N, C-alpha and C. Protein backbone atom coordinates (compact mmCIF):
# COMPACT_ATOMS: atom_id res chain seq x y z
N MET A 1 0.84 -1.25 -0.01
CA MET A 1 -0.10 -0.05 0.25
C MET A 1 0.81 1.33 -0.11
N TYR A 2 0.56 2.23 -0.56
CA TYR A 2 1.33 3.67 -1.31
C TYR A 2 0.97 4.50 -0.03
N ILE A 3 1.83 4.94 0.92
CA ILE A 3 1.83 5.71 1.90
C ILE A 3 2.46 7.14 1.47
N PRO A 4 1.14 8.22 1.51
CA PRO A 4 1.95 9.38 1.36
C PRO A 4 2.95 9.85 2.26
N LYS A 5 4.13 10.42 2.00
CA LYS A 5 4.53 10.92 2.70
C LYS A 5 4.03 12.77 3.68
N MET A 6 4.27 13.01 4.57
CA MET A 6 3.67 13.97 5.07
C MET A 6 3.96 15.60 4.65
N THR A 7 4.77 15.53 3.83
CA THR A 7 4.86 16.64 2.79
C THR A 7 3.35 16.62 1.61
N GLU A 8 3.54 15.59 1.46
CA GLU A 8 2.52 15.46 -0.01
C GLU A 8 1.05 15.24 1.12
N LEU A 9 0.58 14.98 2.47
CA LEU A 9 -0.81 15.14 2.88
C LEU A 9 -0.48 16.97 3.66
N SER A 10 0.55 17.23 3.80
CA SER A 10 0.39 19.02 4.29
C SER A 10 -1.30 19.48 3.71
N GLU A 11 -1.01 19.98 2.46
CA GLU A 11 -2.00 20.12 1.21
C GLU A 11 -3.54 19.87 2.18
N GLY A 12 -3.77 18.18 2.09
CA GLY A 12 -4.96 17.73 2.52
C GLY A 12 -5.16 18.50 4.34
N LEU A 13 -4.11 18.21 5.03
CA LEU A 13 -4.46 17.99 6.05
C LEU A 13 -4.30 19.67 6.65
N ASN A 14 -4.01 20.63 5.79
CA ASN A 14 -4.33 21.81 6.18
C ASN A 14 -3.03 22.59 7.12
N LEU A 15 -1.74 21.82 6.91
CA LEU A 15 -0.70 22.77 7.82
C LEU A 15 0.44 23.53 7.38
N ASN A 16 -0.42 24.17 6.11
CA ASN A 16 0.81 25.26 5.43
C ASN A 16 -0.55 26.26 4.96
N THR A 17 -0.25 27.40 5.53
CA THR A 17 -1.24 28.45 4.94
C THR A 17 -1.27 28.55 3.07
N SER A 18 -0.34 28.46 2.86
CA SER A 18 -0.61 28.72 1.14
C SER A 18 -1.04 27.65 0.59
N LEU A 19 -1.25 26.21 1.07
CA LEU A 19 -1.83 25.23 0.77
C LEU A 19 -2.99 25.14 1.20
N ARG A 20 -3.46 25.85 2.28
CA ARG A 20 -4.56 25.67 2.73
C ARG A 20 -5.35 26.22 1.64
N ARG A 21 -4.70 27.79 1.08
CA ARG A 21 -6.31 28.63 0.36
C ARG A 21 -6.13 27.78 -0.81
N LYS A 22 -4.82 27.13 -1.36
CA LYS A 22 -5.49 26.25 -2.79
C LYS A 22 -6.32 25.42 -2.47
N GLN A 23 -5.92 24.54 -1.56
CA GLN A 23 -7.44 23.48 -1.24
C GLN A 23 -8.62 24.02 -1.13
N MET A 24 -8.69 25.25 -0.29
CA MET A 24 -10.11 25.86 -0.26
C MET A 24 -10.91 25.81 -1.76
N GLY A 25 -10.16 26.58 -2.77
CA GLY A 25 -10.58 26.62 -4.24
C GLY A 25 -10.54 25.70 -5.02
N ALA A 26 -10.34 23.98 -4.18
CA ALA A 26 -10.48 22.83 -5.32
C ALA A 26 -12.26 22.53 -5.32
N PRO A 27 -12.22 21.72 -6.28
CA PRO A 27 -13.34 21.56 -6.86
C PRO A 27 -13.95 20.51 -5.65
N ALA A 28 -15.31 20.56 -5.09
CA ALA A 28 -15.76 19.15 -4.59
C ALA A 28 -15.98 18.13 -5.27
N TRP A 29 -16.20 17.07 -4.53
CA TRP A 29 -15.89 15.51 -5.21
C TRP A 29 -17.71 15.70 -5.97
N THR A 30 -17.66 14.89 -7.32
CA THR A 30 -18.94 14.50 -7.61
C THR A 30 -18.91 13.42 -7.50
N ALA A 31 -20.18 13.02 -7.51
CA ALA A 31 -21.11 11.22 -7.79
C ALA A 31 -20.17 10.85 -8.44
N LYS A 32 -19.81 11.21 -9.49
CA LYS A 32 -18.97 10.47 -10.88
C LYS A 32 -17.53 10.17 -10.43
N GLU A 33 -16.63 11.10 -9.79
CA GLU A 33 -15.60 11.15 -9.58
C GLU A 33 -15.28 9.71 -8.27
N ILE A 34 -16.04 10.24 -7.48
CA ILE A 34 -16.39 9.36 -6.47
C ILE A 34 -16.02 7.64 -7.18
N SER A 35 -17.35 7.61 -7.80
CA SER A 35 -17.60 6.03 -8.41
C SER A 35 -16.31 5.59 -8.65
N ALA A 36 -15.71 6.60 -9.93
CA ALA A 36 -14.76 5.88 -10.26
C ALA A 36 -13.23 5.56 -9.22
N LEU A 37 -13.70 6.55 -8.56
CA LEU A 37 -12.59 6.52 -7.31
C LEU A 37 -12.65 4.99 -6.60
N GLU A 38 -13.82 4.82 -6.46
CA GLU A 38 -14.22 3.64 -5.96
C GLU A 38 -13.27 2.26 -6.69
N GLU A 39 -13.62 2.39 -8.10
CA GLU A 39 -13.76 1.38 -9.29
C GLU A 39 -11.86 1.95 -9.46
N MET A 40 -11.46 2.54 -9.05
CA MET A 40 -10.10 2.92 -9.64
C MET A 40 -9.12 2.62 -8.56
N THR A 41 -9.51 2.36 -7.33
CA THR A 41 -8.63 2.30 -5.72
C THR A 41 -8.25 1.00 -6.37
N ALA A 42 -9.51 -0.27 -6.30
CA ALA A 42 -9.04 -1.63 -6.43
C ALA A 42 -7.84 -1.62 -7.06
N LYS A 43 -7.71 -0.94 -8.18
CA LYS A 43 -7.46 -1.54 -9.29
C LYS A 43 -5.59 -1.07 -9.22
N TYR A 44 -5.46 0.60 -9.14
CA TYR A 44 -3.96 1.02 -9.20
C TYR A 44 -3.58 1.58 -8.02
N PRO A 45 -2.43 2.04 -7.98
CA PRO A 45 -1.97 2.60 -6.83
C PRO A 45 -2.17 4.10 -6.88
N LEU A 46 -2.38 4.57 -5.38
CA LEU A 46 -3.11 5.70 -5.05
C LEU A 46 -1.87 7.03 -6.01
N PRO A 47 -0.76 6.87 -6.33
CA PRO A 47 -0.74 8.01 -7.18
C PRO A 47 -1.26 8.07 -8.52
N THR A 48 -1.22 6.59 -8.93
CA THR A 48 -2.11 6.43 -10.06
C THR A 48 -2.93 7.01 -10.28
N VAL A 49 -4.38 6.62 -9.12
CA VAL A 49 -6.04 6.72 -9.00
C VAL A 49 -5.53 8.79 -9.05
N ALA A 50 -4.83 9.31 -8.45
CA ALA A 50 -4.25 10.81 -8.31
C ALA A 50 -4.16 11.23 -9.56
N ARG A 51 -3.52 11.00 -10.28
CA ARG A 51 -3.23 11.19 -11.88
C ARG A 51 -4.52 11.19 -12.66
N LYS A 52 -5.24 9.95 -12.66
CA LYS A 52 -6.38 9.87 -13.52
C LYS A 52 -7.06 10.80 -13.21
N LEU A 53 -7.70 11.05 -12.11
CA LEU A 53 -8.47 11.91 -11.41
C LEU A 53 -8.11 13.08 -11.44
N ASN A 54 -6.99 13.99 -11.77
CA ASN A 54 -6.69 15.50 -11.53
C ASN A 54 -6.71 15.72 -10.45
N ARG A 55 -5.95 15.11 -9.64
CA ARG A 55 -6.26 15.10 -8.23
C ARG A 55 -5.36 15.13 -7.57
N SER A 56 -4.68 15.89 -6.05
CA SER A 56 -3.56 15.33 -5.73
C SER A 56 -3.44 14.42 -5.07
N VAL A 57 -2.55 13.98 -4.47
CA VAL A 57 -2.39 12.46 -4.05
C VAL A 57 -3.03 12.51 -2.56
N SER A 58 -2.60 13.42 -1.81
CA SER A 58 -3.19 13.91 -0.70
C SER A 58 -4.99 14.17 -0.57
N ALA A 59 -5.33 14.74 -1.30
CA ALA A 59 -7.18 15.08 -1.68
C ALA A 59 -7.42 13.18 -1.84
N VAL A 60 -7.07 12.77 -2.82
CA VAL A 60 -7.55 11.22 -2.85
C VAL A 60 -7.62 10.38 -2.02
N PHE A 61 -6.00 10.29 -1.32
CA PHE A 61 -5.41 9.79 0.24
C PHE A 61 -6.71 9.99 0.82
N LEU A 62 -7.16 11.21 1.72
CA LEU A 62 -7.69 11.57 2.28
C LEU A 62 -9.16 11.42 1.82
N LYS A 63 -9.92 11.57 0.93
CA LYS A 63 -10.65 10.87 0.56
C LYS A 63 -10.95 9.04 0.40
N GLN A 64 -10.08 8.90 0.60
CA GLN A 64 -10.43 7.22 0.52
C GLN A 64 -10.35 6.73 2.16
N GLN A 65 -9.59 7.66 2.94
CA GLN A 65 -10.05 7.41 4.58
C GLN A 65 -11.76 7.69 5.16
N ARG A 66 -11.83 8.81 4.18
CA ARG A 66 -13.36 9.00 4.73
C ARG A 66 -14.37 8.32 3.91
N LEU A 67 -14.18 7.55 2.90
CA LEU A 67 -14.98 6.47 2.81
C LEU A 67 -14.81 5.37 2.62
N GLY A 68 -13.71 4.84 3.51
CA GLY A 68 -13.41 3.61 3.74
C GLY A 68 -12.84 2.52 2.95
N ILE A 69 -12.72 3.25 1.75
CA ILE A 69 -12.17 2.21 0.66
C ILE A 69 -10.66 2.30 0.53
N GLY A 70 -10.76 1.07 -0.29
CA GLY A 70 -8.99 0.86 -0.38
C GLY A 70 -8.70 -0.71 -0.21
N GLY A 71 -9.66 -1.23 -0.05
CA GLY A 71 -9.70 -2.90 0.45
C GLY A 71 -10.41 -3.06 1.65
N LEU A 72 -10.81 -4.05 2.22
CA LEU A 72 -11.34 -4.46 2.98
C LEU A 72 -10.90 -4.00 4.58
N ARG A 73 -9.35 -4.17 4.20
CA ARG A 73 -8.26 -3.75 5.55
C ARG A 73 -7.62 -2.73 5.67
N GLN A 74 -8.15 -2.05 4.54
CA GLN A 74 -7.22 -0.69 4.23
C GLN A 74 -7.80 0.71 5.24
N ASN A 75 -6.85 1.30 5.78
CA ASN A 75 -7.91 2.64 5.85
C ASN A 75 -9.03 2.94 6.87
N SER A 76 -10.17 1.95 6.81
CA SER A 76 -10.49 2.43 8.20
C SER A 76 -11.26 1.05 8.60
N ASP A 77 -12.46 0.65 9.16
CA ASP A 77 -12.87 -0.48 9.76
C ASP A 77 -14.73 -0.57 9.25
N MET A 78 -14.31 0.53 8.36
CA MET A 78 -15.86 0.32 7.57
C MET A 78 -15.71 0.42 5.93
N ILE A 79 -16.85 0.28 5.49
CA ILE A 79 -17.13 0.05 4.19
C ILE A 79 -18.09 0.95 3.30
N THR A 80 -18.11 1.58 2.24
CA THR A 80 -19.23 1.85 1.70
C THR A 80 -19.99 1.15 1.27
N ARG A 81 -21.66 1.56 0.86
CA ARG A 81 -22.25 0.59 -0.03
C ARG A 81 -21.61 -0.21 -1.26
N ASN A 82 -21.51 0.86 -1.95
CA ASN A 82 -20.98 0.70 -3.30
C ASN A 82 -19.62 0.09 -3.18
N THR A 83 -18.93 0.03 -2.18
CA THR A 83 -17.62 -0.62 -2.54
C THR A 83 -18.01 -2.23 -2.18
N LEU A 84 -18.99 -2.43 -0.84
CA LEU A 84 -19.20 -3.88 -0.52
C LEU A 84 -20.02 -4.54 -1.61
N SER A 85 -20.75 -3.74 -1.98
CA SER A 85 -21.44 -4.76 -3.34
C SER A 85 -20.28 -5.03 -4.36
N LYS A 86 -19.48 -4.37 -4.48
CA LYS A 86 -18.48 -5.16 -5.93
C LYS A 86 -17.92 -6.29 -5.01
N ILE A 87 -17.82 -5.56 -3.55
CA ILE A 87 -16.62 -7.07 -3.49
C ILE A 87 -17.48 -8.22 -3.26
N LEU A 88 -18.97 -8.18 -2.71
CA LEU A 88 -19.98 -9.37 -2.70
C LEU A 88 -19.97 -10.30 -4.18
N GLY A 89 -20.37 -9.23 -5.43
CA GLY A 89 -20.69 -9.62 -6.28
C GLY A 89 -22.27 -9.54 -6.05
N ILE A 90 -22.62 -8.63 -5.68
CA ILE A 90 -24.46 -8.30 -5.08
C ILE A 90 -24.47 -7.40 -5.79
N GLU A 91 -25.93 -6.67 -5.67
CA GLU A 91 -26.95 -5.34 -6.29
C GLU A 91 -26.59 -4.61 -5.13
N ASN A 92 -26.57 -3.13 -5.21
CA ASN A 92 -27.10 -2.07 -3.87
C ASN A 92 -28.12 -2.93 -3.26
N ARG A 93 -29.39 -3.00 -3.64
CA ARG A 93 -30.49 -2.92 -3.54
C ARG A 93 -30.62 -4.22 -2.75
N THR A 94 -30.01 -5.46 -2.71
CA THR A 94 -29.93 -6.64 -2.51
C THR A 94 -29.27 -6.27 -0.58
N ILE A 95 -28.32 -5.58 -0.66
CA ILE A 95 -27.71 -4.85 0.49
C ILE A 95 -28.74 -4.48 1.11
N LYS A 96 -29.08 -3.35 0.89
CA LYS A 96 -30.13 -2.41 1.01
C LYS A 96 -31.64 -3.54 2.05
N SER A 97 -31.70 -4.86 1.21
CA SER A 97 -32.59 -5.45 1.99
C SER A 97 -32.28 -6.22 3.27
N TRP A 98 -30.80 -6.12 3.21
CA TRP A 98 -30.21 -7.05 4.56
C TRP A 98 -30.62 -6.00 5.78
N GLU A 99 -30.25 -5.04 5.50
CA GLU A 99 -30.74 -3.55 6.46
C GLU A 99 -31.99 -4.29 6.97
N GLU A 100 -32.75 -4.61 6.31
CA GLU A 100 -34.78 -4.76 6.69
C GLU A 100 -34.18 -6.23 7.28
N LYS A 101 -33.18 -7.03 7.30
CA LYS A 101 -33.14 -8.25 8.07
C LYS A 101 -32.04 -8.22 9.33
N GLY A 102 -31.44 -6.96 9.23
CA GLY A 102 -30.67 -7.13 10.50
C GLY A 102 -28.99 -6.45 10.32
N LEU A 103 -28.51 -6.32 8.96
CA LEU A 103 -27.22 -5.63 9.11
C LEU A 103 -27.50 -4.21 9.29
N LYS A 104 -26.55 -4.02 10.32
CA LYS A 104 -26.16 -2.32 10.61
C LYS A 104 -26.14 -1.38 9.36
N SER A 105 -26.38 -0.63 9.53
CA SER A 105 -25.81 0.55 8.81
C SER A 105 -25.64 1.84 8.88
N ILE A 106 -24.68 2.54 8.90
CA ILE A 106 -24.29 3.93 9.38
C ILE A 106 -24.05 4.80 8.28
N LYS A 107 -24.75 5.63 8.22
CA LYS A 107 -25.26 6.91 7.73
C LYS A 107 -24.54 8.12 8.05
N LYS A 108 -23.24 8.22 6.83
CA LYS A 108 -22.49 9.45 6.81
C LYS A 108 -22.68 9.91 5.41
N LYS A 109 -23.83 11.05 5.70
CA LYS A 109 -23.88 11.82 4.05
C LYS A 109 -22.86 11.80 3.26
N PRO A 110 -22.90 11.70 2.05
CA PRO A 110 -24.34 10.92 1.12
C PRO A 110 -24.03 9.57 1.25
N TYR A 111 -23.04 9.31 2.26
CA TYR A 111 -22.46 7.67 2.29
C TYR A 111 -23.59 6.91 3.07
N ILE A 112 -23.67 5.34 2.58
CA ILE A 112 -24.14 4.34 3.70
C ILE A 112 -23.13 3.75 3.65
N MET A 113 -22.72 3.41 5.18
CA MET A 113 -21.60 1.91 5.39
C MET A 113 -21.56 1.29 6.18
N TYR A 114 -20.90 0.29 6.58
CA TYR A 114 -21.30 -0.99 7.47
C TYR A 114 -19.53 -0.87 7.96
N ARG A 115 -19.77 -1.12 8.97
CA ARG A 115 -18.63 -1.85 9.87
C ARG A 115 -17.87 -3.38 9.47
N HIS A 116 -16.68 -3.55 9.42
CA HIS A 116 -16.63 -5.42 8.99
C HIS A 116 -16.93 -5.82 10.04
N GLN A 117 -17.16 -6.09 11.27
CA GLN A 117 -17.78 -7.02 12.08
C GLN A 117 -19.35 -7.03 11.94
N ASP A 118 -19.55 -6.44 11.65
CA ASP A 118 -21.52 -5.92 11.50
C ASP A 118 -21.55 -6.90 10.05
N ILE A 119 -20.76 -6.88 9.22
CA ILE A 119 -20.91 -7.41 7.83
C ILE A 119 -20.72 -9.05 7.94
N ILE A 120 -19.26 -9.33 8.94
CA ILE A 120 -19.31 -10.89 9.34
C ILE A 120 -20.31 -11.56 10.17
N CYS A 121 -20.83 -10.64 11.24
CA CYS A 121 -22.28 -11.62 11.77
C CYS A 121 -22.98 -11.57 11.15
N TYR A 122 -23.80 -11.17 10.08
CA TYR A 122 -24.59 -10.80 9.18
C TYR A 122 -24.24 -11.96 8.12
N MET A 123 -23.38 -12.08 7.40
CA MET A 123 -22.89 -13.03 6.44
C MET A 123 -23.22 -14.62 7.16
N LYS A 124 -22.52 -14.96 8.32
CA LYS A 124 -22.58 -15.61 9.18
C LYS A 124 -23.98 -16.56 9.91
N GLU A 125 -24.33 -15.34 9.76
CA GLU A 125 -25.95 -15.65 10.04
C GLU A 125 -26.70 -16.04 9.13
N HIS A 126 -26.95 -15.35 7.77
CA HIS A 126 -27.68 -15.92 7.29
C HIS A 126 -26.59 -16.12 5.46
N LEU A 127 -26.78 -17.12 5.83
CA LEU A 127 -25.69 -18.04 4.88
C LEU A 127 -26.37 -18.25 3.39
N GLU A 128 -27.54 -18.13 3.56
CA GLU A 128 -28.46 -18.36 2.23
C GLU A 128 -28.17 -16.93 1.51
N ASP A 129 -27.64 -16.03 1.81
CA ASP A 129 -28.51 -14.54 1.41
C ASP A 129 -27.16 -14.34 0.25
N TRP A 130 -25.86 -15.07 0.04
CA TRP A 130 -25.00 -14.25 -0.47
C TRP A 130 -24.36 -15.98 -0.78
N ASN A 131 -23.52 -15.71 -1.91
CA ASN A 131 -22.82 -16.74 -3.07
C ASN A 131 -21.57 -16.64 -2.83
N ALA A 132 -20.36 -17.27 -1.97
CA ALA A 132 -18.83 -17.15 -2.31
C ALA A 132 -18.13 -17.50 -3.14
N ALA A 133 -18.99 -17.59 -4.26
CA ALA A 133 -18.16 -17.85 -5.61
C ALA A 133 -18.08 -16.24 -6.00
N ARG A 134 -18.75 -15.59 -5.86
CA ARG A 134 -18.94 -14.09 -6.28
C ARG A 134 -18.26 -13.13 -5.31
N ILE A 135 -17.26 -13.68 -4.41
CA ILE A 135 -17.11 -12.47 -3.85
C ILE A 135 -15.40 -12.32 -4.42
N THR A 136 -15.02 -10.91 -4.94
CA THR A 136 -13.86 -10.60 -5.69
C THR A 136 -12.55 -10.20 -4.55
N ASP A 137 -12.99 -10.26 -3.34
CA ASP A 137 -12.22 -9.69 -2.14
C ASP A 137 -12.49 -10.39 -0.63
N ASP A 138 -11.86 -11.78 -0.18
CA ASP A 138 -11.98 -12.38 0.58
C ASP A 138 -11.58 -12.61 1.67
N SER A 139 -10.69 -10.88 2.05
CA SER A 139 -9.64 -10.57 3.29
C SER A 139 -10.21 -10.81 4.49
N LEU A 140 -11.14 -10.21 4.38
CA LEU A 140 -12.15 -10.37 5.94
C LEU A 140 -12.75 -11.59 6.35
N PHE A 141 -12.79 -12.31 5.52
CA PHE A 141 -14.10 -13.65 5.74
C PHE A 141 -12.88 -14.98 5.80
N MET A 142 -11.82 -14.67 5.18
CA MET A 142 -10.92 -16.19 4.46
C MET A 142 -10.45 -16.70 6.09
N ARG A 143 -10.45 -16.39 7.05
CA ARG A 143 -9.89 -16.60 7.92
C ARG A 143 -11.23 -17.54 9.02
N PHE A 144 -12.24 -17.55 8.71
CA PHE A 144 -13.65 -18.35 9.19
C PHE A 144 -13.82 -19.76 8.92
N ASP A 145 -14.10 -20.90 9.30
CA ASP A 145 -14.13 -22.16 9.01
C ASP A 145 -15.63 -22.12 8.51
N TRP A 146 -16.45 -21.16 8.62
CA TRP A 146 -18.17 -20.86 8.19
C TRP A 146 -17.93 -20.70 6.47
N TYR A 147 -16.89 -19.87 6.57
CA TYR A 147 -16.79 -19.13 5.05
C TYR A 147 -16.40 -19.84 3.81
N GLN A 148 -15.41 -20.57 4.65
CA GLN A 148 -14.47 -21.68 4.06
C GLN A 148 -15.31 -23.33 3.10
N GLU A 149 -15.97 -23.40 4.36
CA GLU A 149 -17.09 -24.56 3.99
C GLU A 149 -17.89 -23.77 2.95
N LYS A 150 -18.68 -22.70 3.20
CA LYS A 150 -19.71 -22.33 1.93
C LYS A 150 -18.86 -22.15 0.72
N LYS A 151 -17.25 -21.72 0.94
CA LYS A 151 -16.71 -21.39 -0.56
C LYS A 151 -16.82 -22.38 -1.63
N LYS A 152 -16.47 -24.11 -0.80
CA LYS A 152 -15.92 -24.95 -1.10
C LYS A 152 -17.36 -25.32 -2.04
N HIS A 153 -18.41 -25.37 -1.39
CA HIS A 153 -19.86 -25.72 -2.01
C HIS A 153 -20.27 -24.34 -2.83
N ASP A 154 -20.40 -23.50 -3.13
CA ASP A 154 -20.19 -22.77 -4.22
C ASP A 154 -19.89 -22.33 -5.22
N VAL A 155 -18.60 -23.38 -4.84
CA VAL A 155 -18.08 -22.53 -5.95
C VAL A 155 -18.22 -23.72 -7.48
N VAL A 156 -18.59 -24.88 -6.49
CA VAL A 156 -19.18 -26.47 -7.15
C VAL A 156 -20.77 -26.20 -7.89
N THR A 157 -21.52 -25.06 -7.08
CA THR A 157 -22.41 -24.77 -7.61
C THR A 157 -22.77 -23.36 -7.88
N LYS A 158 -22.13 -22.89 -8.65
CA LYS A 158 -21.95 -21.57 -9.03
C LYS A 158 -23.05 -21.21 -10.10
N TYR A 159 -23.19 -22.11 -11.32
CA TYR A 159 -24.26 -22.21 -12.24
C TYR A 159 -24.61 -22.83 -12.45
N ASN A 160 -25.39 -24.00 -11.72
CA ASN A 160 -25.91 -25.09 -11.44
C ASN A 160 -27.36 -24.71 -11.04
N TRP A 161 -28.37 -25.57 -11.39
CA TRP A 161 -29.65 -24.90 -10.73
C TRP A 161 -30.31 -26.11 -10.26
N THR A 162 -30.26 -26.38 -9.25
CA THR A 162 -31.04 -27.63 -8.55
C THR A 162 -32.64 -28.00 -9.23
N GLU A 163 -33.32 -29.17 -8.85
CA GLU A 163 -34.36 -29.10 -9.21
C GLU A 163 -35.60 -28.40 -8.30
N ARG A 164 -34.92 -28.32 -6.80
CA ARG A 164 -35.54 -27.83 -6.14
C ARG A 164 -35.56 -26.10 -6.63
N GLU A 165 -34.43 -25.18 -7.15
CA GLU A 165 -34.67 -23.92 -7.51
C GLU A 165 -35.09 -24.06 -8.63
N GLU A 166 -35.49 -24.81 -9.57
CA GLU A 166 -36.46 -24.49 -10.80
C GLU A 166 -37.82 -24.55 -10.27
N SER A 167 -38.49 -25.18 -9.62
CA SER A 167 -39.42 -25.51 -9.24
C SER A 167 -39.72 -24.09 -8.48
N LYS A 168 -39.16 -23.62 -7.86
CA LYS A 168 -39.17 -22.34 -6.90
C LYS A 168 -39.34 -21.17 -7.83
N LEU A 169 -38.27 -21.26 -8.84
CA LEU A 169 -38.61 -20.27 -9.61
C LEU A 169 -39.93 -20.15 -10.48
N LYS A 170 -40.51 -21.44 -11.01
CA LYS A 170 -41.74 -21.57 -11.68
C LYS A 170 -42.60 -21.43 -10.94
N PHE A 171 -42.44 -21.37 -9.45
CA PHE A 171 -43.69 -21.27 -8.32
C PHE A 171 -43.68 -19.34 -7.99
N LEU A 172 -42.36 -18.92 -8.06
CA LEU A 172 -42.21 -17.05 -7.74
C LEU A 172 -43.02 -16.33 -8.93
N ARG A 173 -42.62 -16.84 -9.98
CA ARG A 173 -43.05 -16.63 -11.25
C ARG A 173 -44.58 -16.21 -11.88
N HIS A 174 -44.67 -17.97 -11.47
CA HIS A 174 -46.56 -18.02 -11.05
C HIS A 174 -46.95 -17.23 -10.37
N GLU A 175 -46.74 -17.05 -9.44
CA GLU A 175 -47.47 -15.96 -8.40
C GLU A 175 -47.27 -14.10 -8.21
N GLY A 176 -46.40 -13.83 -9.22
CA GLY A 176 -46.33 -13.00 -10.10
C GLY A 176 -45.07 -12.26 -9.81
N TYR A 177 -44.19 -12.55 -9.04
CA TYR A 177 -43.18 -11.44 -8.70
C TYR A 177 -42.50 -11.10 -9.96
N THR A 178 -41.97 -10.23 -9.79
CA THR A 178 -41.32 -9.37 -10.75
C THR A 178 -39.49 -9.92 -11.01
N ILE A 179 -38.74 -10.19 -11.82
CA ILE A 179 -37.37 -10.54 -12.04
C ILE A 179 -36.52 -9.97 -11.25
N ARG A 180 -36.80 -8.75 -10.71
CA ARG A 180 -35.94 -8.38 -9.43
C ARG A 180 -36.08 -9.02 -7.94
N GLU A 181 -37.17 -8.94 -7.54
CA GLU A 181 -37.91 -9.86 -6.40
C GLU A 181 -37.64 -11.22 -6.44
N ILE A 182 -37.73 -12.21 -7.59
CA ILE A 182 -37.02 -13.17 -8.14
C ILE A 182 -35.93 -13.32 -8.03
N ALA A 183 -34.85 -12.67 -8.11
CA ALA A 183 -33.48 -12.39 -8.19
C ALA A 183 -32.83 -12.34 -6.51
N GLU A 184 -33.30 -11.56 -6.06
CA GLU A 184 -33.22 -11.32 -4.48
C GLU A 184 -33.55 -12.34 -3.72
N LYS A 185 -34.82 -13.17 -4.17
CA LYS A 185 -35.25 -14.09 -2.93
C LYS A 185 -34.32 -15.52 -3.41
N MET A 186 -34.03 -15.73 -4.44
CA MET A 186 -33.15 -16.94 -4.87
C MET A 186 -31.31 -16.57 -4.89
N ASN A 187 -31.53 -15.06 -4.39
CA ASN A 187 -29.58 -14.75 -4.54
C ASN A 187 -28.96 -15.59 -5.67
N ARG A 188 -29.67 -14.61 -6.65
CA ARG A 188 -28.93 -15.14 -7.90
C ARG A 188 -29.10 -13.56 -8.77
N SER A 189 -28.81 -13.43 -10.22
CA SER A 189 -28.50 -12.32 -10.43
C SER A 189 -29.54 -11.80 -11.63
N GLU A 190 -30.17 -11.12 -11.87
CA GLU A 190 -31.43 -11.06 -12.54
C GLU A 190 -31.01 -11.13 -14.56
N SER A 191 -30.32 -11.34 -14.35
CA SER A 191 -29.78 -11.87 -16.17
C SER A 191 -29.75 -13.38 -15.88
N SER A 192 -29.53 -14.45 -14.72
CA SER A 192 -28.89 -15.74 -14.59
C SER A 192 -31.03 -15.82 -14.90
N ILE A 193 -31.68 -14.73 -13.82
CA ILE A 193 -32.95 -15.18 -13.77
C ILE A 193 -33.90 -15.44 -15.17
N LYS A 194 -33.32 -14.41 -15.93
CA LYS A 194 -34.15 -13.95 -17.11
C LYS A 194 -33.65 -15.43 -18.13
N TYR A 195 -32.42 -15.34 -18.33
CA TYR A 195 -31.78 -16.36 -19.28
C TYR A 195 -32.55 -17.70 -18.86
N LYS A 196 -32.95 -18.06 -17.55
CA LYS A 196 -33.44 -19.20 -16.85
C LYS A 196 -34.91 -19.45 -17.69
N LEU A 197 -35.25 -17.98 -17.14
CA LEU A 197 -36.74 -18.29 -17.74
C LEU A 197 -36.87 -18.53 -18.99
N TYR A 198 -36.15 -17.40 -20.08
CA TYR A 198 -35.77 -17.93 -21.51
C TYR A 198 -35.97 -19.06 -21.71
N ARG A 199 -34.95 -19.59 -21.25
CA ARG A 199 -34.52 -21.39 -22.02
C ARG A 199 -35.63 -22.12 -21.91
N ARG A 200 -36.07 -21.95 -20.55
CA ARG A 200 -37.27 -23.03 -20.24
C ARG A 200 -38.90 -22.59 -21.09
N ASN A 201 -38.72 -21.59 -21.49
CA ASN A 201 -40.17 -20.66 -22.59
C ASN A 201 -39.56 -21.72 -24.08
């Protein structure tokens, strides 16, 4: 992990008067920039991210700190909903539905964030709500036996539909559930549900 020198951080930390004036004129972060920051943080080192966003290293570093991004173990014990959805390979609305089932969230306008420990507890208690085969960064979970066991199972059955699942799909569709609702209930992507329904017909 790249750690900026104190001289690089002086602008963001307001340790220098002239640099403070310069920072006050810096444009606010847009939603598009934040989305790009989250995506690039997982791919590139800090200096590269700063260059691509046309921002100073210190500004990007401090923004990552506030958002709690840069990997599950970097910067903070919290993570944004957008970053969590990408790490778990699920959609934002699925994570939002988890909140209704007990996942604790913390609002830090304009972000919704979650503590690592709360994520771990929820996933352990709701094994049916997620698929280990879709997770892109399991550094937070890999030390747990319950995760390792589920990972073995999910890798094998990642793309396979069981007879029970097919029956459930047929039932939910007959009952009038939307593609989105079925996907959430079956812990599959909407494209997977559409493909299966299309093939069945």
